[in-house]
């Protein structure tokens, strides 16, 4: 059992963290199904995923000129 803080925070019990493999820094998502809260561990994205396709918007010459 957890108690919700004034900021709306609650501790996920250790046995649930262990089963889901939740570690410090991991992201979790919450959902509601039939008046029950469901917690999901989010898959880790690689740090460079947010940049996928970004460089394709600029010509290579322009990128190289700015890097120099």
N, C-alpha and C. Protein backbone atom coordinates (compact mmCIF):
# COMPACT_ATOMS: atom_id res chain seq x y z
N UNK A 1 0.85 -1.17 0.00
CA UNK A 1 0.00 0.00 0.00
C UNK A 1 0.89 1.23 0.00
N UNK A 2 0.45 2.29 -0.71
CA UNK A 2 1.17 3.56 -0.75
C UNK A 2 0.23 4.68 -0.34
N UNK A 3 0.81 5.73 0.19
CA UNK A 3 0.05 6.93 0.52
C UNK A 3 0.41 7.99 -0.49
N UNK A 4 -0.59 8.68 -1.01
CA UNK A 4 -0.37 9.73 -2.00
C UNK A 4 0.03 11.01 -1.28
N UNK A 5 1.10 11.66 -1.76
CA UNK A 5 1.57 12.91 -1.17
C UNK A 5 0.73 14.08 -1.67
N UNK A 6 0.99 15.25 -1.12
CA UNK A 6 0.28 16.46 -1.55
C UNK A 6 0.52 16.77 -3.02
N UNK A 7 1.67 16.33 -3.55
CA UNK A 7 1.99 16.55 -4.96
C UNK A 7 1.42 15.45 -5.85
N UNK A 8 0.67 14.51 -5.30
CA UNK A 8 0.08 13.44 -6.10
C UNK A 8 1.04 12.30 -6.37
N UNK A 9 2.13 12.23 -5.62
CA UNK A 9 3.13 11.18 -5.82
C UNK A 9 2.84 9.99 -4.91
N UNK A 10 3.15 8.80 -5.39
CA UNK A 10 3.01 7.59 -4.60
C UNK A 10 4.19 6.67 -4.93
N UNK A 11 4.60 5.89 -3.97
CA UNK A 11 5.69 4.94 -4.17
C UNK A 11 5.14 3.64 -4.73
N UNK A 12 5.76 3.13 -5.79
CA UNK A 12 5.38 1.84 -6.33
C UNK A 12 6.04 0.79 -5.45
N UNK A 13 5.27 -0.12 -4.87
CA UNK A 13 5.84 -1.12 -3.97
C UNK A 13 6.97 -1.92 -4.64
N UNK A 14 7.96 -2.30 -3.85
CA UNK A 14 9.14 -2.99 -4.36
C UNK A 14 8.80 -4.26 -5.12
N UNK A 15 7.85 -5.06 -4.61
CA UNK A 15 7.55 -6.31 -5.31
C UNK A 15 6.99 -6.04 -6.71
N UNK A 16 6.23 -4.96 -6.89
CA UNK A 16 5.71 -4.62 -8.21
C UNK A 16 6.83 -4.09 -9.09
N UNK A 17 7.72 -3.24 -8.53
CA UNK A 17 8.87 -2.75 -9.30
C UNK A 17 9.73 -3.91 -9.77
N UNK A 18 9.94 -4.89 -8.89
CA UNK A 18 10.76 -6.05 -9.25
C UNK A 18 10.11 -6.86 -10.38
N UNK A 19 8.82 -7.10 -10.27
CA UNK A 19 8.12 -7.89 -11.29
C UNK A 19 8.15 -7.19 -12.65
N UNK A 20 7.94 -5.87 -12.65
CA UNK A 20 7.93 -5.11 -13.90
C UNK A 20 9.32 -4.70 -14.35
N UNK A 21 10.32 -4.88 -13.48
CA UNK A 21 11.69 -4.49 -13.83
C UNK A 21 11.86 -2.98 -13.86
N UNK A 22 11.13 -2.27 -13.01
CA UNK A 22 11.21 -0.82 -12.97
C UNK A 22 12.42 -0.40 -12.14
N UNK A 23 13.27 0.43 -12.75
CA UNK A 23 14.48 0.92 -12.09
C UNK A 23 14.40 2.45 -12.00
N UNK A 24 15.22 3.07 -11.14
CA UNK A 24 15.22 4.53 -11.05
C UNK A 24 15.46 5.15 -12.44
N UNK A 25 14.66 6.14 -12.77
CA UNK A 25 14.78 6.81 -14.06
C UNK A 25 13.89 6.24 -15.14
N UNK A 26 13.32 5.05 -14.92
CA UNK A 26 12.41 4.47 -15.90
C UNK A 26 11.12 5.26 -15.95
N UNK A 27 10.46 5.23 -17.11
CA UNK A 27 9.18 5.89 -17.25
C UNK A 27 8.06 4.86 -17.14
N UNK A 28 6.98 5.26 -16.48
CA UNK A 28 5.81 4.40 -16.37
C UNK A 28 4.60 5.15 -16.87
N UNK A 29 3.60 4.41 -17.29
CA UNK A 29 2.36 5.00 -17.77
C UNK A 29 1.22 4.39 -16.97
N UNK A 30 0.21 5.20 -16.72
CA UNK A 30 -0.94 4.74 -15.95
C UNK A 30 -2.17 4.74 -16.83
N UNK A 31 -3.07 3.78 -16.58
CA UNK A 31 -4.32 3.70 -17.31
C UNK A 31 -5.41 3.27 -16.33
N UNK A 32 -6.65 3.45 -16.70
CA UNK A 32 -7.77 3.03 -15.87
C UNK A 32 -8.57 1.99 -16.63
N UNK A 33 -8.86 0.87 -15.98
CA UNK A 33 -9.72 -0.17 -16.55
C UNK A 33 -10.67 -0.63 -15.45
N UNK A 34 -11.95 -0.43 -15.68
CA UNK A 34 -12.98 -0.87 -14.74
C UNK A 34 -12.67 -0.44 -13.30
N UNK A 35 -12.43 0.85 -13.11
CA UNK A 35 -12.15 1.42 -11.78
C UNK A 35 -10.87 0.90 -11.13
N UNK A 36 -9.95 0.38 -11.91
CA UNK A 36 -8.66 -0.06 -11.40
C UNK A 36 -7.56 0.69 -12.15
N UNK A 37 -6.53 1.10 -11.42
CA UNK A 37 -5.38 1.74 -12.04
C UNK A 37 -4.40 0.66 -12.50
N UNK A 38 -3.94 0.80 -13.72
CA UNK A 38 -2.97 -0.13 -14.30
C UNK A 38 -1.68 0.64 -14.54
N UNK A 39 -0.55 0.07 -14.15
CA UNK A 39 0.74 0.72 -14.37
C UNK A 39 1.52 -0.11 -15.39
N UNK A 40 2.11 0.59 -16.37
CA UNK A 40 2.90 -0.04 -17.42
C UNK A 40 4.30 0.55 -17.40
N UNK A 41 5.30 -0.30 -17.53
CA UNK A 41 6.67 0.18 -17.70
C UNK A 41 6.84 0.50 -19.18
N UNK A 42 7.31 1.71 -19.47
CA UNK A 42 7.52 2.12 -20.85
C UNK A 42 8.86 1.57 -21.34
N UNK A 43 8.87 1.21 -22.62
CA UNK A 43 10.12 0.75 -23.22
C UNK A 43 11.08 1.92 -23.31
N UNK A 44 12.35 1.65 -23.02
CA UNK A 44 13.36 2.72 -23.11
C UNK A 44 13.65 3.01 -24.57
N UNK A 45 13.69 4.30 -24.87
CA UNK A 45 14.07 4.74 -26.21
C UNK A 45 15.55 5.08 -26.16
N UNK A 46 16.20 4.84 -27.26
CA UNK A 46 17.61 5.19 -27.34
C UNK A 46 17.71 6.71 -27.38
N UNK A 47 18.71 7.30 -26.76
CA UNK A 47 18.82 8.76 -26.67
C UNK A 47 18.76 9.47 -28.02
N UNK A 48 19.23 8.82 -29.07
CA UNK A 48 19.26 9.47 -30.37
C UNK A 48 17.95 9.31 -31.14
N UNK A 49 17.00 8.54 -30.63
CA UNK A 49 15.74 8.32 -31.33
C UNK A 49 15.00 9.61 -31.62
N UNK A 50 15.08 10.59 -30.71
CA UNK A 50 14.36 11.84 -30.93
C UNK A 50 14.92 12.61 -32.12
N UNK A 51 16.13 12.28 -32.54
CA UNK A 51 16.75 12.98 -33.66
C UNK A 51 16.59 12.23 -34.98
N UNK A 52 15.96 11.06 -34.96
CA UNK A 52 15.82 10.25 -36.17
C UNK A 52 15.13 11.07 -37.26
N UNK A 53 15.74 11.15 -38.41
CA UNK A 53 15.18 11.87 -39.54
C UNK A 53 15.40 13.37 -39.50
N UNK A 54 15.90 13.90 -38.40
CA UNK A 54 16.06 15.34 -38.24
C UNK A 54 17.07 15.92 -39.23
N UNK A 55 18.22 15.26 -39.34
CA UNK A 55 19.27 15.79 -40.21
C UNK A 55 18.89 15.72 -41.68
N UNK A 56 17.96 14.84 -42.02
CA UNK A 56 17.53 14.73 -43.41
C UNK A 56 16.85 15.98 -43.92
N UNK A 57 16.48 16.88 -43.03
CA UNK A 57 15.80 18.11 -43.43
C UNK A 57 16.77 19.16 -43.96
N UNK A 58 18.07 18.93 -43.79
CA UNK A 58 19.06 19.92 -44.19
C UNK A 58 20.05 19.30 -45.17
N UNK A 59 20.50 20.08 -46.14
CA UNK A 59 21.52 19.55 -47.06
C UNK A 59 22.83 19.28 -46.29
N UNK A 60 23.54 18.25 -46.69
CA UNK A 60 24.78 17.86 -46.03
C UNK A 60 25.79 19.01 -46.00
N UNK A 61 25.89 19.74 -47.11
CA UNK A 61 26.86 20.85 -47.17
C UNK A 61 26.56 21.88 -46.09
N UNK A 62 25.30 22.21 -45.88
CA UNK A 62 24.93 23.21 -44.87
C UNK A 62 25.31 22.71 -43.48
N UNK A 63 25.07 21.45 -43.20
CA UNK A 63 25.43 20.88 -41.89
C UNK A 63 26.93 20.93 -41.69
N UNK A 64 27.70 20.53 -42.70
CA UNK A 64 29.16 20.51 -42.57
C UNK A 64 29.69 21.93 -42.39
N UNK A 65 29.14 22.91 -43.11
CA UNK A 65 29.58 24.31 -42.96
C UNK A 65 29.35 24.80 -41.54
N UNK A 66 28.22 24.44 -40.93
CA UNK A 66 27.91 24.89 -39.58
C UNK A 66 28.77 24.18 -38.53
N UNK A 67 29.19 22.95 -38.81
CA UNK A 67 30.03 22.22 -37.87
C UNK A 67 31.47 22.73 -37.89
N UNK A 68 31.88 23.37 -38.97
CA UNK A 68 33.27 23.84 -39.09
C UNK A 68 33.48 25.15 -38.44
